[in-house]
PDB file of N, CA and C in Angstrom:
ATOM      1  N   UNK A   1      -7.821   8.831  -6.937  1.00  0.00           N
ATOM      2  CA  UNK A   1      -8.026   8.255  -8.254  1.00  0.00           C
ATOM      3  C   UNK A   1      -7.905   9.380  -9.282  1.00  0.00           C
ATOM      4  N   UNK A   2      -7.037   9.191 -10.248  1.00  0.00           N
ATOM      5  CA  UNK A   2      -6.882  10.165 -11.327  1.00  0.00           C
ATOM      6  C   UNK A   2      -7.408   9.568 -12.627  1.00  0.00           C
ATOM      7  N   UNK A   3      -8.181  10.345 -13.368  1.00  0.00           N
ATOM      8  CA  UNK A   3      -8.681   9.920 -14.673  1.00  0.00           C
ATOM      9  C   UNK A   3      -8.223  10.954 -15.682  1.00  0.00           C
ATOM     10  N   UNK A   4      -7.471  10.508 -16.697  1.00  0.00           N
ATOM     11  CA  UNK A   4      -6.951  11.433 -17.707  1.00  0.00           C
ATOM     12  C   UNK A   4      -7.983  11.668 -18.806  1.00  0.00           C
ATOM     13  N   UNK A   5      -7.667  12.590 -19.700  1.00  0.00           N
ATOM     14  CA  UNK A   5      -8.576  12.875 -20.813  1.00  0.00           C
ATOM     15  C   UNK A   5      -8.628  11.729 -21.823  1.00  0.00           C
ATOM     16  N   UNK A   6      -7.729  10.755 -21.674  1.00  0.00           N
ATOM     17  CA  UNK A   6      -7.761   9.564 -22.528  1.00  0.00           C
ATOM     18  C   UNK A   6      -8.449   8.395 -21.825  1.00  0.00           C
ATOM     19  N   UNK A   7      -9.100   8.676 -20.711  1.00  0.00           N
ATOM     20  CA  UNK A   7      -9.822   7.717 -19.858  1.00  0.00           C
ATOM     21  C   UNK A   7      -8.904   6.740 -19.130  1.00  0.00           C
ATOM     22  N   UNK A   8      -7.629   7.047 -19.080  1.00  0.00           N
ATOM     23  CA  UNK A   8      -6.713   6.206 -18.303  1.00  0.00           C
ATOM     24  C   UNK A   8      -6.930   6.492 -16.820  1.00  0.00           C
ATOM     25  N   UNK A   9      -7.141   5.433 -16.032  1.00  0.00           N
ATOM     26  CA  UNK A   9      -7.398   5.565 -14.612  1.00  0.00           C
ATOM     27  C   UNK A   9      -6.146   5.148 -13.843  1.00  0.00           C
ATOM     28  N   UNK A  10      -5.744   5.982 -12.890  1.00  0.00           N
ATOM     29  CA  UNK A  10      -4.562   5.713 -12.089  1.00  0.00           C
ATOM     30  C   UNK A  10      -4.897   5.876 -10.614  1.00  0.00           C
ATOM     31  N   UNK A  11      -4.503   4.888  -9.812  1.00  0.00           N
ATOM     32  CA  UNK A  11      -4.648   4.991  -8.365  1.00  0.00           C
ATOM     33  C   UNK A  11      -3.373   5.634  -7.825  1.00  0.00           C
ATOM     34  N   UNK A  12      -3.517   6.696  -7.057  1.00  0.00           N
ATOM     35  CA  UNK A  12      -2.364   7.429  -6.557  1.00  0.00           C
ATOM     36  C   UNK A  12      -2.405   7.454  -5.036  1.00  0.00           C
ATOM     37  N   UNK A  13      -1.279   7.121  -4.439  1.00  0.00           N
ATOM     38  CA  UNK A  13      -1.144   7.202  -2.991  1.00  0.00           C
ATOM     39  C   UNK A  13       0.315   7.536  -2.716  1.00  0.00           C
ATOM     40  N   UNK A  14       0.584   8.781  -2.457  1.00  0.00           N
ATOM     41  CA  UNK A  14       1.975   9.217  -2.316  1.00  0.00           C
ATOM     42  C   UNK A  14       2.319   9.678  -0.910  1.00  0.00           C
ATOM     43  N   UNK A  15       1.584   9.242   0.090  1.00  0.00           N
ATOM     44  CA  UNK A  15       1.932   9.675   1.436  1.00  0.00           C
ATOM     45  C   UNK A  15       2.963   8.756   2.076  1.00  0.00           C
ATOM     46  N   UNK A  16       3.200   7.615   1.475  1.00  0.00           N
ATOM     47  CA  UNK A  16       4.210   6.708   2.026  1.00  0.00           C
ATOM     48  C   UNK A  16       4.952   6.017   0.887  1.00  0.00           C
ATOM     49  N   UNK A  17       6.138   6.506   0.617  1.00  0.00           N
ATOM     50  CA  UNK A  17       6.951   5.860  -0.400  1.00  0.00           C
ATOM     51  C   UNK A  17       8.385   5.780   0.089  1.00  0.00           C
ATOM     52  N   UNK A  18       9.084   4.817  -0.458  1.00  0.00           N
ATOM     53  CA  UNK A  18      10.493   4.655  -0.149  1.00  0.00           C
ATOM     54  C   UNK A  18      11.251   4.570  -1.463  1.00  0.00           C
ATOM     55  N   UNK A  19      12.521   4.901  -1.416  1.00  0.00           N
ATOM     56  CA  UNK A  19      13.343   4.773  -2.611  1.00  0.00           C
ATOM     57  C   UNK A  19      14.790   4.564  -2.211  1.00  0.00           C
ATOM     58  N   UNK A  20      15.566   4.115  -3.187  1.00  0.00           N
ATOM     59  CA  UNK A  20      16.990   3.904  -2.985  1.00  0.00           C
ATOM     60  C   UNK A  20      17.735   4.891  -3.860  1.00  0.00           C
ATOM     61  N   UNK A  21      18.654   5.628  -3.260  1.00  0.00           N
ATOM     62  CA  UNK A  21      19.431   6.618  -3.986  1.00  0.00           C
ATOM     63  C   UNK A  21      20.461   5.965  -4.902  1.00  0.00           C
ATOM     64  N   UNK A  22      21.057   6.767  -5.773  1.00  0.00           N
ATOM     65  CA  UNK A  22      22.070   6.267  -6.695  1.00  0.00           C
ATOM     66  C   UNK A  22      23.260   5.655  -5.953  1.00  0.00           C
ATOM     67  N   UNK A  23      23.504   6.126  -4.741  1.00  0.00           N
ATOM     68  CA  UNK A  23      24.618   5.613  -3.945  1.00  0.00           C
ATOM     69  C   UNK A  23      24.250   4.361  -3.139  1.00  0.00           C
ATOM     70  N   UNK A  24      23.011   3.873  -3.301  1.00  0.00           N
ATOM     71  CA  UNK A  24      22.566   2.675  -2.593  1.00  0.00           C
ATOM     72  C   UNK A  24      21.926   2.946  -1.247  1.00  0.00           C
ATOM     73  N   UNK A  25      21.911   4.195  -0.827  1.00  0.00           N
ATOM     74  CA  UNK A  25      21.302   4.553   0.460  1.00  0.00           C
ATOM     75  C   UNK A  25      19.785   4.440   0.365  1.00  0.00           C
ATOM     76  N   UNK A  26      19.177   3.787   1.352  1.00  0.00           N
ATOM     77  CA  UNK A  26      17.725   3.612   1.367  1.00  0.00           C
ATOM     78  C   UNK A  26      17.067   4.747   2.141  1.00  0.00           C
ATOM     79  N   UNK A  27      16.024   5.307   1.584  1.00  0.00           N
ATOM     80  CA  UNK A  27      15.221   6.340   2.231  1.00  0.00           C
ATOM     81  C   UNK A  27      13.864   5.712   2.518  1.00  0.00           C
ATOM     82  N   UNK A  28      13.656   5.337   3.770  1.00  0.00           N
ATOM     83  CA  UNK A  28      12.440   4.633   4.165  1.00  0.00           C
ATOM     84  C   UNK A  28      11.410   5.619   4.682  1.00  0.00           C
ATOM     85  N   UNK A  29      10.175   5.164   4.765  1.00  0.00           N
ATOM     86  CA  UNK A  29       9.081   6.007   5.226  1.00  0.00           C
ATOM     87  C   UNK A  29       8.390   5.320   6.394  1.00  0.00           C
ATOM     88  N   UNK A  30       8.107   6.083   7.419  1.00  0.00           N
ATOM     89  CA  UNK A  30       7.462   5.507   8.603  1.00  0.00           C
ATOM     90  C   UNK A  30       5.939   5.561   8.539  1.00  0.00           C
ATOM     91  N   UNK A  31       5.392   6.087   7.450  1.00  0.00           N
ATOM     92  CA  UNK A  31       3.942   6.243   7.309  1.00  0.00           C
ATOM     93  C   UNK A  31       3.327   4.971   6.732  1.00  0.00           C
ATOM     94  N   UNK A  32       2.211   4.564   7.297  1.00  0.00           N
ATOM     95  CA  UNK A  32       1.482   3.413   6.780  1.00  0.00           C
ATOM     96  C   UNK A  32       0.126   3.304   7.453  1.00  0.00           C
ATOM     97  N   UNK A  33      -0.830   2.743   6.750  1.00  0.00           N
ATOM     98  CA  UNK A  33      -2.179   2.542   7.299  1.00  0.00           C
ATOM     99  C   UNK A  33      -2.353   1.057   7.582  1.00  0.00           C
ATOM    100  N   UNK A  34      -2.704   0.691   8.806  1.00  0.00           N
ATOM    101  CA  UNK A  34      -2.825  -0.725   9.157  1.00  0.00           C
ATOM    102  C   UNK A  34      -3.809  -1.495   8.278  1.00  0.00           C
ATOM    103  N   UNK A  35      -4.893  -0.847   7.860  1.00  0.00           N
ATOM    104  CA  UNK A  35      -5.904  -1.560   7.063  1.00  0.00           C
ATOM    105  C   UNK A  35      -5.427  -1.884   5.648  1.00  0.00           C
ATOM    106  N   UNK A  36      -4.312  -1.292   5.222  1.00  0.00           N
ATOM    107  CA  UNK A  36      -3.765  -1.567   3.892  1.00  0.00           C
ATOM    108  C   UNK A  36      -2.397  -2.231   3.958  1.00  0.00           C
ATOM    109  N   UNK A  37      -1.867  -2.440   5.152  1.00  0.00           N
ATOM    110  CA  UNK A  37      -0.529  -3.018   5.301  1.00  0.00           C
ATOM    111  C   UNK A  37      -0.578  -4.538   5.225  1.00  0.00           C
ATOM    112  N   UNK A  38       0.446  -5.106   4.601  1.00  0.00           N
ATOM    113  CA  UNK A  38       0.564  -6.561   4.503  1.00  0.00           C
ATOM    114  C   UNK A  38       0.788  -7.152   5.894  1.00  0.00           C
ATOM    115  N   UNK A  39       0.344  -8.386   6.116  1.00  0.00           N
ATOM    116  CA  UNK A  39       0.468  -9.002   7.439  1.00  0.00           C
ATOM    117  C   UNK A  39       1.901  -9.021   7.973  1.00  0.00           C
ATOM    118  N   UNK A  40       2.877  -9.185   7.111  1.00  0.00           N
ATOM    119  CA  UNK A  40       4.263  -9.251   7.576  1.00  0.00           C
ATOM    120  C   UNK A  40       4.770  -7.911   8.119  1.00  0.00           C
ATOM    121  N   UNK A  41       4.003  -6.830   7.907  1.00  0.00           N
ATOM    122  CA  UNK A  41       4.393  -5.518   8.405  1.00  0.00           C
ATOM    123  C   UNK A  41       3.670  -5.139   9.693  1.00  0.00           C
ATOM    124  N   UNK A  42       2.829  -6.021  10.203  1.00  0.00           N
ATOM    125  CA  UNK A  42       2.097  -5.736  11.442  1.00  0.00           C
ATOM    126  C   UNK A  42       3.077  -5.623  12.609  1.00  0.00           C
ATOM    127  N   UNK A  43       3.007  -4.505  13.304  1.00  0.00           N
ATOM    128  CA  UNK A  43       3.856  -4.291  14.464  1.00  0.00           C
ATOM    129  C   UNK A  43       5.305  -3.959  14.155  1.00  0.00           C
ATOM    130  N   UNK A  44       5.624  -3.738  12.885  1.00  0.00           N
ATOM    131  CA  UNK A  44       6.993  -3.445  12.460  1.00  0.00           C
ATOM    132  C   UNK A  44       7.194  -1.935  12.382  1.00  0.00           C
ATOM    133  N   UNK A  45       8.367  -1.463  12.762  1.00  0.00           N
ATOM    134  CA  UNK A  45       8.717  -0.053  12.610  1.00  0.00           C
ATOM    135  C   UNK A  45       8.995   0.212  11.132  1.00  0.00           C
ATOM    136  N   UNK A  46       8.043   0.830  10.448  1.00  0.00           N
ATOM    137  CA  UNK A  46       8.174   1.044   9.007  1.00  0.00           C
ATOM    138  C   UNK A  46       9.322   1.975   8.655  1.00  0.00           C
ATOM    139  N   UNK A  47       9.744   2.792   9.588  1.00  0.00           N
ATOM    140  CA  UNK A  47      10.873   3.674   9.341  1.00  0.00           C
ATOM    141  C   UNK A  47      12.208   2.950   9.355  1.00  0.00           C
ATOM    142  N   UNK A  48      12.214   1.694   9.822  1.00  0.00           N
ATOM    143  CA  UNK A  48      13.445   0.916   9.891  1.00  0.00           C
ATOM    144  C   UNK A  48      13.406  -0.331   9.011  1.00  0.00           C
ATOM    145  N   UNK A  49      12.222  -0.709   8.536  1.00  0.00           N
ATOM    146  CA  UNK A  49      12.057  -1.934   7.752  1.00  0.00           C
ATOM    147  C   UNK A  49      11.694  -1.603   6.304  1.00  0.00           C
ATOM    148  N   UNK A  50      12.570  -1.944   5.353  1.00  0.00           N
ATOM    149  CA  UNK A  50      12.205  -1.720   3.944  1.00  0.00           C
ATOM    150  C   UNK A  50      11.005  -2.582   3.557  1.00  0.00           C
ATOM    151  N   UNK A  51      10.139  -2.031   2.747  1.00  0.00           N
ATOM    152  CA  UNK A  51       8.962  -2.769   2.286  1.00  0.00           C
ATOM    153  C   UNK A  51       9.265  -3.434   0.957  1.00  0.00           C
ATOM    154  N   UNK A  52       8.765  -4.634   0.803  1.00  0.00           N
ATOM    155  CA  UNK A  52       8.987  -5.397  -0.428  1.00  0.00           C
ATOM    156  C   UNK A  52       7.894  -5.092  -1.446  1.00  0.00           C
ATOM    157  N   UNK A  53       8.154  -5.449  -2.669  1.00  0.00           N
ATOM    158  CA  UNK A  53       7.161  -5.254  -3.732  1.00  0.00           C
ATOM    159  C   UNK A  53       5.864  -6.005  -3.405  1.00  0.00           C
ATOM    160  N   UNK A  54       6.012  -7.176  -2.801  1.00  0.00           N
ATOM    161  CA  UNK A  54       4.826  -7.962  -2.456  1.00  0.00           C
ATOM    162  C   UNK A  54       3.934  -7.219  -1.462  1.00  0.00           C
ATOM    163  N   UNK A  55       4.517  -6.406  -0.598  1.00  0.00           N
ATOM    164  CA  UNK A  55       3.727  -5.608   0.340  1.00  0.00           C
ATOM    165  C   UNK A  55       2.897  -4.568  -0.400  1.00  0.00           C
ATOM    166  N   UNK A  56       3.486  -3.954  -1.427  1.00  0.00           N
ATOM    167  CA  UNK A  56       2.744  -2.996  -2.246  1.00  0.00           C
ATOM    168  C   UNK A  56       1.626  -3.687  -3.009  1.00  0.00           C
ATOM    169  N   UNK A  57       1.889  -4.890  -3.503  1.00  0.00           N
ATOM    170  CA  UNK A  57       0.849  -5.629  -4.235  1.00  0.00           C
ATOM    171  C   UNK A  57      -0.300  -6.013  -3.315  1.00  0.00           C
ATOM    172  N   UNK A  58      -0.005  -6.342  -2.061  1.00  0.00           N
ATOM    173  CA  UNK A  58      -1.058  -6.632  -1.079  1.00  0.00           C
ATOM    174  C   UNK A  58      -1.943  -5.405  -0.900  1.00  0.00           C
ATOM    175  N   UNK A  59      -1.318  -4.248  -0.715  1.00  0.00           N
ATOM    176  CA  UNK A  59      -2.074  -3.004  -0.534  1.00  0.00           C
ATOM    177  C   UNK A  59      -2.943  -2.708  -1.752  1.00  0.00           C
ATOM    178  N   UNK A  60      -2.386  -2.905  -2.935  1.00  0.00           N
ATOM    179  CA  UNK A  60      -3.149  -2.688  -4.164  1.00  0.00           C
ATOM    180  C   UNK A  60      -4.344  -3.635  -4.232  1.00  0.00           C
ATOM    181  N   UNK A  61      -4.142  -4.886  -3.860  1.00  0.00           N
ATOM    182  CA  UNK A  61      -5.236  -5.862  -3.880  1.00  0.00           C
ATOM    183  C   UNK A  61      -6.359  -5.458  -2.921  1.00  0.00           C
ATOM    184  N   UNK A  62      -6.009  -4.952  -1.753  1.00  0.00           N
ATOM    185  CA  UNK A  62      -7.023  -4.492  -0.805  1.00  0.00           C
ATOM    186  C   UNK A  62      -7.802  -3.318  -1.394  1.00  0.00           C
ATOM    187  N   UNK A  63      -7.100  -2.365  -2.025  1.00  0.00           N
ATOM    188  CA  UNK A  63      -7.779  -1.222  -2.649  1.00  0.00           C
ATOM    189  C   UNK A  63      -8.730  -1.673  -3.762  1.00  0.00           C
ATOM    190  N   UNK A  64      -8.280  -2.587  -4.601  1.00  0.00           N
ATOM    191  CA  UNK A  64      -9.137  -3.086  -5.690  1.00  0.00           C
ATOM    192  C   UNK A  64     -10.364  -3.787  -5.112  1.00  0.00           C
ATOM    193  N   UNK A  65     -10.166  -4.589  -4.069  1.00  0.00           N
ATOM    194  CA  UNK A  65     -11.300  -5.266  -3.423  1.00  0.00           C
ATOM    195  C   UNK A  65     -12.302  -4.248  -2.896  1.00  0.00           C
ATOM    196  N   UNK A  66     -11.815  -3.199  -2.244  1.00  0.00           N
ATOM    197  CA  UNK A  66     -12.704  -2.152  -1.732  1.00  0.00           C
ATOM    198  C   UNK A  66     -13.500  -1.498  -2.857  1.00  0.00           C
ATOM    199  N   UNK A  67     -12.826  -1.230  -3.983  1.00  0.00           N
ATOM    200  CA  UNK A  67     -13.521  -0.611  -5.121  1.00  0.00           C
ATOM    201  C   UNK A  67     -14.594  -1.523  -5.697  1.00  0.00           C
ATOM    202  N   UNK A  68     -14.283  -2.807  -5.813  1.00  0.00           N
ATOM    203  CA  UNK A  68     -15.224  -3.749  -6.431  1.00  0.00           C
ATOM    204  C   UNK A  68     -16.347  -4.186  -5.497  1.00  0.00           C
ATOM    205  N   UNK A  69     -16.092  -4.148  -4.211  1.00  0.00           N
ATOM    206  CA  UNK A  69     -17.056  -4.667  -3.240  1.00  0.00           C
ATOM    207  C   UNK A  69     -17.726  -3.580  -2.413  1.00  0.00           C
ATOM    208  N   UNK A  70     -17.837  -2.394  -2.967  1.00  0.00           N
ATOM    209  CA  UNK A  70     -18.597  -1.332  -2.328  1.00  0.00           C
ATOM    210  C   UNK A  70     -18.049  -0.877  -0.990  1.00  0.00           C
ATOM    211  N   UNK A  71     -16.732  -0.908  -0.838  1.00  0.00           N
ATOM    212  CA  UNK A  71     -16.122  -0.424   0.389  1.00  0.00           C
ATOM    213  C   UNK A  71     -15.948  -1.455   1.484  1.00  0.00           C
ATOM    214  N   UNK A  72     -16.320  -2.709   1.235  1.00  0.00           N
ATOM    215  CA  UNK A  72     -16.136  -3.770   2.224  1.00  0.00           C
ATOM    216  C   UNK A  72     -14.704  -4.271   2.194  1.00  0.00           C
ATOM    217  N   UNK A  73     -14.014  -4.159   3.321  1.00  0.00           N
ATOM    218  CA  UNK A  73     -12.632  -4.618   3.425  1.00  0.00           C
ATOM    219  C   UNK A  73     -12.607  -6.135   3.351  1.00  0.00           C
ATOM    220  N   UNK A  74     -11.613  -6.733   2.663  1.00  0.00           N
ATOM    221  CA  UNK A  74     -11.599  -8.194   2.519  1.00  0.00           C
ATOM    222  C   UNK A  74     -11.470  -8.960   3.845  1.00  0.00           C
ATOM    223  N   UNK A  75     -10.953  -8.309   4.893  1.00  0.00           N
ATOM    224  CA  UNK A  75     -10.787  -8.988   6.179  1.00  0.00           C
ATOM    225  C   UNK A  75     -11.707  -8.411   7.246  1.00  0.00           C
ATOM    226  N   UNK A  76     -12.779  -7.751   6.823  1.00  0.00           N
ATOM    227  CA  UNK A  76     -13.705  -7.129   7.762  1.00  0.00           C
ATOM    228  C   UNK A  76     -14.636  -8.150   8.414  1.00  0.00           C
ATOM    229  N   UNK A  77     -15.065  -9.122   7.650  1.00  0.00           N
ATOM    230  CA  UNK A  77     -16.060 -10.061   8.138  1.00  0.00           C
ATOM    231  C   UNK A  77     -15.433 -11.425   8.418  1.00  0.00           C
ATOM    232  N   UNK A  78     -16.088 -12.198   9.245  1.00  0.00           N
ATOM    233  CA  UNK A  78     -15.618 -13.549   9.543  1.00  0.00           C
ATOM    234  C   UNK A  78     -14.754 -13.585  10.790  1.00  0.00           C
ATOM    235  N   UNK A  79     -14.404 -14.778  11.161  1.00  0.00           N
ATOM    236  CA  UNK A  79     -13.546 -14.994  12.326  1.00  0.00           C
ATOM    237  C   UNK A  79     -12.191 -15.442  11.803  1.00  0.00           C
ATOM    238  N   UNK A  80     -11.140 -14.703  12.166  1.00  0.00           N
ATOM    239  CA  UNK A  80      -9.804 -14.993  11.647  1.00  0.00           C
ATOM    240  C   UNK A  80      -8.917 -15.481  12.753  1.00  0.00           C
TER     241      UNK A  80
END
């Protein structure tokens, strides 16, 4: 978590990112944490499967839930 001198708060996680080069070549990342990964990425080789924006939004939602709920993961309790 970064907080600037203008009180702007930014969540930073740069250990797993992917990008597409100017030539269209995809540079994927094989790094991911299961507790923050979207369900559609379970058991998938992240180094071969591009991640969608919705997967990033899922991860962000889990992080926000953890911040608001005192560290309780949204899928920690209950029978699924």
